[in-house]
Amino acid sequence: MPKNIVIPIQVNKESVAMCEFPAEDVLNAKDKEALVLLLENATKLGNMEHSKIKIVFEDSDAVKQVETTVWATTDKRVVLKGGIVIPINRIHQIVLV
């Protein structure tokens, strides 16, 4: 069995607002660069077609996953509906739903 496989905890969008995020990056610079491009595309899809994505992120407690629409992407954060934010440096991956 492979090591270090982590199954994310499914959370709802509202509970993301209560998460505490450490400052450390969860991805290396190259992977983070690719993630930012994907997030920008997810933002366009979210605004034009209301497409949802799964965001796998890590807060101070665990690796979690939320299914939501991305409303905006800044240089440091992803903004979800209701002004809820996830720091980009804490996102492991996104998956289009």
C-alpha atoms as a PDB file:
ATOM      1  CA  MET A   1       0.000   0.000   0.000  1.00  0.00           C
ATOM      2  CA  PRO A   2       1.414   3.459  -0.925  1.00  0.00           C
ATOM      3  CA  LYS A   3       2.482   5.727   1.924  1.00  0.00           C
ATOM      4  CA  ASN A   4       1.316   9.256   2.615  1.00  0.00           C
ATOM      5  CA  ILE A   5      -2.110   8.920   1.016  1.00  0.00           C
ATOM      6  CA  VAL A   6      -4.416  11.370   2.722  1.00  0.00           C
ATOM      7  CA  ILE A   7      -8.156  11.284   2.186  1.00  0.00           C
ATOM      8  CA  PRO A   8      -9.505  14.822   2.548  1.00  0.00           C
ATOM      9  CA  ILE A   9     -12.356  15.558   4.930  1.00  0.00           C
ATOM     10  CA  GLN A  10     -15.398  16.844   3.019  1.00  0.00           C
ATOM     11  CA  VAL A  11     -16.553  20.206   4.425  1.00  0.00           C
ATOM     12  CA  ASN A  12     -19.197  22.712   3.414  1.00  0.00           C
ATOM     13  CA  LYS A  13     -18.275  26.157   2.164  1.00  0.00           C
ATOM     14  CA  GLU A  14     -19.484  27.919   5.310  1.00  0.00           C
ATOM     15  CA  SER A  15     -17.134  25.948   7.564  1.00  0.00           C
ATOM     16  CA  VAL A  16     -14.132  27.133   5.512  1.00  0.00           C
ATOM     17  CA  ALA A  17     -14.643  30.577   7.055  1.00  0.00           C
ATOM     18  CA  MET A  18     -13.744  29.108  10.463  1.00  0.00           C
ATOM     19  CA  CYS A  19     -10.501  27.459   9.296  1.00  0.00           C
ATOM     20  CA  GLU A  20      -7.123  28.714  10.464  1.00  0.00           C
ATOM     21  CA  PHE A  21      -4.402  28.643   7.819  1.00  0.00           C
ATOM     22  CA  PRO A  22      -0.668  28.409   8.609  1.00  0.00           C
ATOM     23  CA  ALA A  23       1.682  30.579   6.526  1.00  0.00           C
ATOM     24  CA  GLU A  24       3.743  27.710   5.058  1.00  0.00           C
ATOM     25  CA  ASP A  25       3.259  26.616   1.431  1.00  0.00           C
ATOM     26  CA  VAL A  26       1.920  23.116   0.787  1.00  0.00           C
ATOM     27  CA  LEU A  27       3.233  23.015  -2.812  1.00  0.00           C
ATOM     28  CA  ASN A  28       6.605  23.770  -4.373  1.00  0.00           C
ATOM     29  CA  ALA A  29       6.944  26.877  -6.577  1.00  0.00           C
ATOM     30  CA  LYS A  30       6.501  25.040  -9.899  1.00  0.00           C
ATOM     31  CA  ASP A  31       3.349  23.212  -8.777  1.00  0.00           C
ATOM     32  CA  LYS A  32       1.974  26.410  -7.256  1.00  0.00           C
ATOM     33  CA  GLU A  33       2.465  28.215 -10.576  1.00  0.00           C
ATOM     34  CA  ALA A  34       0.442  25.522 -12.387  1.00  0.00           C
ATOM     35  CA  LEU A  35      -2.238  25.687  -9.683  1.00  0.00           C
ATOM     36  CA  VAL A  36      -2.639  29.452 -10.140  1.00  0.00           C
ATOM     37  CA  LEU A  37      -3.335  28.958 -13.864  1.00  0.00           C
ATOM     38  CA  LEU A  38      -5.963  26.328 -13.061  1.00  0.00           C
ATOM     39  CA  LEU A  39      -7.541  28.631 -10.477  1.00  0.00           C
ATOM     40  CA  GLU A  40      -7.766  31.468 -12.991  1.00  0.00           C
ATOM     41  CA  ASN A  41      -9.575  29.143 -15.420  1.00  0.00           C
ATOM     42  CA  ALA A  42     -11.855  27.906 -12.629  1.00  0.00           C
ATOM     43  CA  THR A  43     -12.719  31.528 -11.829  1.00  0.00           C
ATOM     44  CA  LYS A  44     -13.718  32.173 -15.453  1.00  0.00           C
ATOM     45  CA  LEU A  45     -15.827  29.002 -15.522  1.00  0.00           C
ATOM     46  CA  GLY A  46     -17.415  29.904 -12.204  1.00  0.00           C
ATOM     47  CA  ASN A  47     -18.378  33.378 -13.344  1.00  0.00           C
ATOM     48  CA  MET A  48     -19.543  32.487 -16.857  1.00  0.00           C
ATOM     49  CA  GLU A  49     -21.049  29.033 -16.426  1.00  0.00           C
ATOM     50  CA  HIS A  50     -21.396  28.689 -12.632  1.00  0.00           C
ATOM     51  CA  SER A  51     -19.222  25.564 -12.807  1.00  0.00           C
ATOM     52  CA  LYS A  52     -18.180  24.048  -9.493  1.00  0.00           C
ATOM     53  CA  ILE A  53     -14.780  22.699  -8.556  1.00  0.00           C
ATOM     54  CA  LYS A  54     -13.411  20.627  -5.726  1.00  0.00           C
ATOM     55  CA  ILE A  55     -10.667  22.392  -3.798  1.00  0.00           C
ATOM     56  CA  VAL A  56      -8.375  20.209  -1.688  1.00  0.00           C
ATOM     57  CA  PHE A  57      -6.698  22.400   0.913  1.00  0.00           C
ATOM     58  CA  GLU A  58      -4.939  22.105   4.245  1.00  0.00           C
ATOM     59  CA  ASP A  59      -5.708  24.186   7.294  1.00  0.00           C
ATOM     60  CA  SER A  60      -4.084  23.899  10.717  1.00  0.00           C
ATOM     61  CA  ASP A  61      -6.104  20.760  11.543  1.00  0.00           C
ATOM     62  CA  ALA A  62      -6.299  18.517   8.456  1.00  0.00           C
ATOM     63  CA  VAL A  63      -6.516  18.148   4.696  1.00  0.00           C
ATOM     64  CA  LYS A  64     -10.041  19.107   3.660  1.00  0.00           C
ATOM     65  CA  GLN A  65     -12.103  19.336   0.492  1.00  0.00           C
ATOM     66  CA  VAL A  66     -14.880  21.700  -0.483  1.00  0.00           C
ATOM     67  CA  GLU A  67     -17.043  21.709  -3.606  1.00  0.00           C
ATOM     68  CA  THR A  68     -17.878  25.248  -4.635  1.00  0.00           C
ATOM     69  CA  THR A  69     -17.816  27.943  -7.288  1.00  0.00           C
ATOM     70  CA  VAL A  70     -14.784  30.243  -7.398  1.00  0.00           C
ATOM     71  CA  TRP A  71     -15.807  33.889  -7.666  1.00  0.00           C
ATOM     72  CA  ALA A  72     -12.350  35.473  -7.816  1.00  0.00           C
ATOM     73  CA  THR A  73      -8.662  34.679  -7.654  1.00  0.00           C
ATOM     74  CA  THR A  74      -6.142  37.191  -6.335  1.00  0.00           C
ATOM     75  CA  ASP A  75      -2.375  36.785  -6.160  1.00  0.00           C
ATOM     76  CA  LYS A  76      -2.707  35.207  -2.687  1.00  0.00           C
ATOM     77  CA  ARG A  77      -6.289  33.999  -2.237  1.00  0.00           C
ATOM     78  CA  VAL A  78      -9.241  32.258  -3.818  1.00  0.00           C
ATOM     79  CA  VAL A  79     -12.538  33.987  -3.071  1.00  0.00           C
ATOM     80  CA  LEU A  80     -15.694  31.900  -2.769  1.00  0.00           C
ATOM     81  CA  LYS A  81     -19.317  33.030  -2.606  1.00  0.00           C
ATOM     82  CA  GLY A  82     -19.986  35.088   0.509  1.00  0.00           C
ATOM     83  CA  GLY A  83     -16.459  36.463   0.672  1.00  0.00           C
ATOM     84  CA  ILE A  84     -15.016  33.228   2.074  1.00  0.00           C
ATOM     85  CA  VAL A  85     -11.316  32.912   1.223  1.00  0.00           C
ATOM     86  CA  ILE A  86      -8.741  30.143   0.989  1.00  0.00           C
ATOM     87  CA  PRO A  87      -5.062  31.123   0.759  1.00  0.00           C
ATOM     88  CA  ILE A  88      -3.543  29.776  -2.469  1.00  0.00           C
ATOM     89  CA  ASN A  89      -0.447  28.610  -0.587  1.00  0.00           C
ATOM     90  CA  ARG A  90      -2.639  26.137   1.352  1.00  0.00           C
ATOM     91  CA  ILE A  91      -4.310  24.511  -1.687  1.00  0.00           C
ATOM     92  CA  HIS A  92      -3.068  21.057  -2.725  1.00  0.00           C
ATOM     93  CA  GLN A  93      -5.171  20.679  -5.865  1.00  0.00           C
ATOM     94  CA  ILE A  94      -8.391  21.532  -7.642  1.00  0.00           C
ATOM     95  CA  VAL A  95     -10.625  19.291  -9.717  1.00  0.00           C
ATOM     96  CA  LEU A  96     -13.328  20.425 -12.115  1.00  0.00           C
ATOM     97  CA  VAL A  97     -16.657  18.800 -11.240  1.00  0.00           C
END
